[in-house]
Amino acid sequence: MLVITRREGEEVVIGDPAAPLGIVRISVIKGDRVRIAFE
């Protein structure tokens, strides 16, 4: 389960932090819409 709190700039690591599969970053929050970025 992935739970994202709604704070801009927050990053969530997917997988092992030593060798992550990816990183999800909260870019922009406007009302009910949240823009995320994947690395």
Foldseek 3Di string as FASTA:
>chain_A
DDDDDDDAQDKDFDDDPVDTPKIKGFHDDDPPDTDIDID
